[in-house]
Protein backbone atom coordinates (compact mmCIF):
# COMPACT_ATOMS: atom_id res chain seq x y z
CA MET A 1 16.80 225.44 156.46
CA GLU A 2 17.38 228.57 154.54
CA THR A 3 15.53 231.74 155.66
CA LYS A 4 13.16 233.05 153.02
CA THR A 5 12.04 236.25 154.70
CA SER A 6 13.60 239.28 156.25
CA VAL A 7 11.16 241.52 158.13
CA LYS A 8 12.35 244.59 160.09
CA ILE A 9 11.13 247.80 161.67
CA THR A 10 13.95 250.14 162.68
CA SER A 11 14.92 253.65 163.60
CA VAL A 12 18.22 253.16 161.81
CA ALA A 13 18.43 254.31 158.19
CA LEU A 14 17.40 251.54 155.74
CA ASN A 15 19.86 250.11 153.38
CA HIS A 16 18.90 249.01 149.91
CA GLN A 17 21.99 246.84 149.45
CA ASP A 18 21.08 244.86 152.61
CA CYS A 19 17.69 243.96 151.10
CA TYR A 20 19.17 243.14 147.75
CA ASP A 21 21.90 240.95 149.21
CA PHE A 22 19.35 239.03 151.31
CA VAL A 23 17.13 238.06 148.42
CA ALA A 24 19.92 237.57 145.77
CA ASP A 25 20.44 234.00 144.73
CA ASP A 26 22.04 232.31 141.80
CA SER A 27 18.69 230.45 140.99
CA CYS A 28 16.94 233.68 140.50
CA GLY A 29 16.75 235.57 137.21
CA GLY A 30 14.95 238.58 138.64
CA ILE A 31 15.10 240.81 141.64
CA VAL A 32 12.54 243.54 141.97
CA THR A 33 12.84 246.17 144.63
CA PHE A 34 10.48 248.96 145.75
CA VAL A 35 12.09 251.81 147.60
CA GLY A 36 9.74 254.35 149.05
CA THR A 37 11.28 257.87 149.56
CA VAL A 38 10.10 260.95 151.41
CA ARG A 39 9.02 263.52 148.84
CA ASN A 40 9.02 267.25 149.33
CA ALA A 41 5.40 268.02 148.58
CA THR A 42 1.85 266.58 149.01
CA LYS A 43 -1.45 268.28 147.95
CA ASN A 44 0.41 271.31 146.73
CA LYS A 45 1.96 271.84 150.21
CA THR A 46 5.68 271.86 150.99
CA VAL A 47 6.56 268.80 153.14
CA THR A 48 9.58 269.40 155.56
CA LEU A 49 9.61 266.07 157.41
CA LEU A 50 7.70 262.77 157.78
CA ASP A 51 7.45 261.12 161.16
CA PHE A 52 6.60 257.46 161.18
CA THR A 53 5.11 255.63 164.19
CA ALA A 54 4.37 251.95 164.48
CA TYR A 55 2.68 249.62 166.83
CA GLU A 56 5.77 247.46 166.48
CA PRO A 57 4.75 243.94 167.74
CA MET A 58 1.62 244.03 165.58
CA ALA A 59 3.39 245.61 162.65
CA VAL A 60 6.19 243.03 162.57
CA LYS A 61 3.58 240.23 162.80
CA GLU A 62 1.64 241.69 159.92
CA MET A 63 4.73 242.23 157.81
CA GLN A 64 5.71 238.60 158.41
CA LYS A 65 2.30 237.55 157.39
CA ILE A 66 2.55 239.51 154.15
CA ALA A 67 5.97 237.96 153.48
CA ASN A 68 4.65 234.46 154.13
CA THR A 69 1.56 235.03 151.98
CA ALA A 70 3.71 236.36 149.13
CA LEU A 71 5.88 233.18 149.32
CA ALA A 72 2.78 230.96 149.18
CA LYS A 73 0.89 232.95 146.58
CA PHE A 74 3.74 233.75 144.10
CA ASP A 75 6.54 231.64 142.76
CA ILE A 76 9.28 233.67 144.52
CA HIS A 77 12.58 232.63 146.25
CA LYS A 78 12.91 235.29 148.99
CA ILE A 79 11.39 238.57 150.21
CA ALA A 80 12.56 241.34 152.41
CA ILE A 81 10.19 243.95 153.90
CA HIS A 82 11.92 246.70 155.92
CA HIS A 83 10.36 249.85 157.33
CA ALA A 84 11.74 252.86 159.14
CA VAL A 85 10.21 254.60 162.11
CA GLY A 86 10.97 258.07 163.49
CA PRO A 87 11.50 261.40 161.81
CA LEU A 88 12.71 261.20 158.19
CA LYS A 89 13.95 264.11 156.04
CA ILE A 90 13.19 264.74 152.38
CA GLY A 91 14.97 262.01 150.33
CA ALA A 92 15.15 259.53 153.11
CA ILE A 93 13.82 255.95 152.72
CA PRO A 94 10.91 254.84 154.94
CA VAL A 95 10.29 251.41 153.18
CA ILE A 96 12.13 248.86 151.09
CA ILE A 97 10.69 245.72 149.68
CA ALA A 98 12.93 243.28 147.67
CA VAL A 99 11.76 240.04 146.02
CA SER A 100 13.73 237.46 144.07
CA SER A 101 12.29 234.84 141.73
CA ALA A 102 13.42 232.67 138.88
CA HIS A 103 11.32 234.74 136.49
CA ARG A 104 10.63 238.55 136.77
CA ASN A 105 6.81 238.37 136.57
CA ALA A 106 6.37 236.69 139.95
CA ALA A 107 8.84 239.11 141.55
CA PHE A 108 6.96 242.05 140.19
CA LYS A 109 3.60 240.73 141.31
CA ALA A 110 4.89 239.83 144.79
CA CYS A 111 6.55 243.19 145.27
CA GLU A 112 3.38 245.04 144.33
CA TYR A 113 1.31 242.86 146.58
CA ALA A 114 3.62 243.46 149.51
CA ILE A 115 3.61 247.29 149.34
CA ASP A 116 -0.12 247.49 148.65
CA THR A 117 -0.91 245.11 151.49
CA LEU A 118 1.52 246.79 153.90
CA LYS A 119 -0.15 250.17 153.28
CA GLU A 120 -3.64 248.64 153.95
CA THR A 121 -3.04 246.35 156.94
CA VAL A 122 0.17 247.19 158.88
CA PRO A 123 -0.17 249.56 161.91
CA ILE A 124 2.31 252.12 160.74
CA TRP A 125 1.22 255.81 160.69
CA LYS A 126 2.88 258.89 159.34
CA LYS A 127 2.70 262.50 160.36
CA GLU A 128 3.45 264.92 157.56
CA HIS A 129 5.15 268.11 158.77
CA PHE A 130 4.72 271.28 156.63
CA GLU A 131 6.08 274.86 156.95
CA ASP A 132 2.73 275.91 158.62
CA GLY A 133 1.69 272.77 160.69
CA GLU A 134 1.43 269.05 160.58
CA VAL A 135 -1.21 266.31 159.91
CA TRP A 136 -1.55 262.54 160.55
CA VAL A 137 -2.17 260.47 157.43
CA ASN A 138 -2.74 256.81 156.88
CA ALA A 139 -5.16 256.60 159.78
CA HIS A 140 -5.70 252.86 159.37
CA PRO A 141 -5.77 249.97 159.94
């Protein structure tokens, strides 16, 4: 049976092509990807680094639940949800979501559902580092 989901938390740099290749299929007319990147500012403060921490056993379980729900809820073929942990510099990629479907609308909706739900339910936290200090954000779930 073909694997329909790829879920991963890693301290190794994420690779967009890996996610794309996983979801690509000749039966699919649309592939949608979301690539989150570390930006250099938040709330008018210069960001120097983001540091991501996860409760990995639960995070992987929740990410798999999101992937399974997306497969059941939307008419999609495959989904990949990958998240990085550890310190990430400006421009680095902390999250990639890729979704394939026969038609683009389902892939767009599933991708949006996956990133929105991930940010709400998955136990991954980030610490923003500034020139003058640091602060934890996303203090949920």
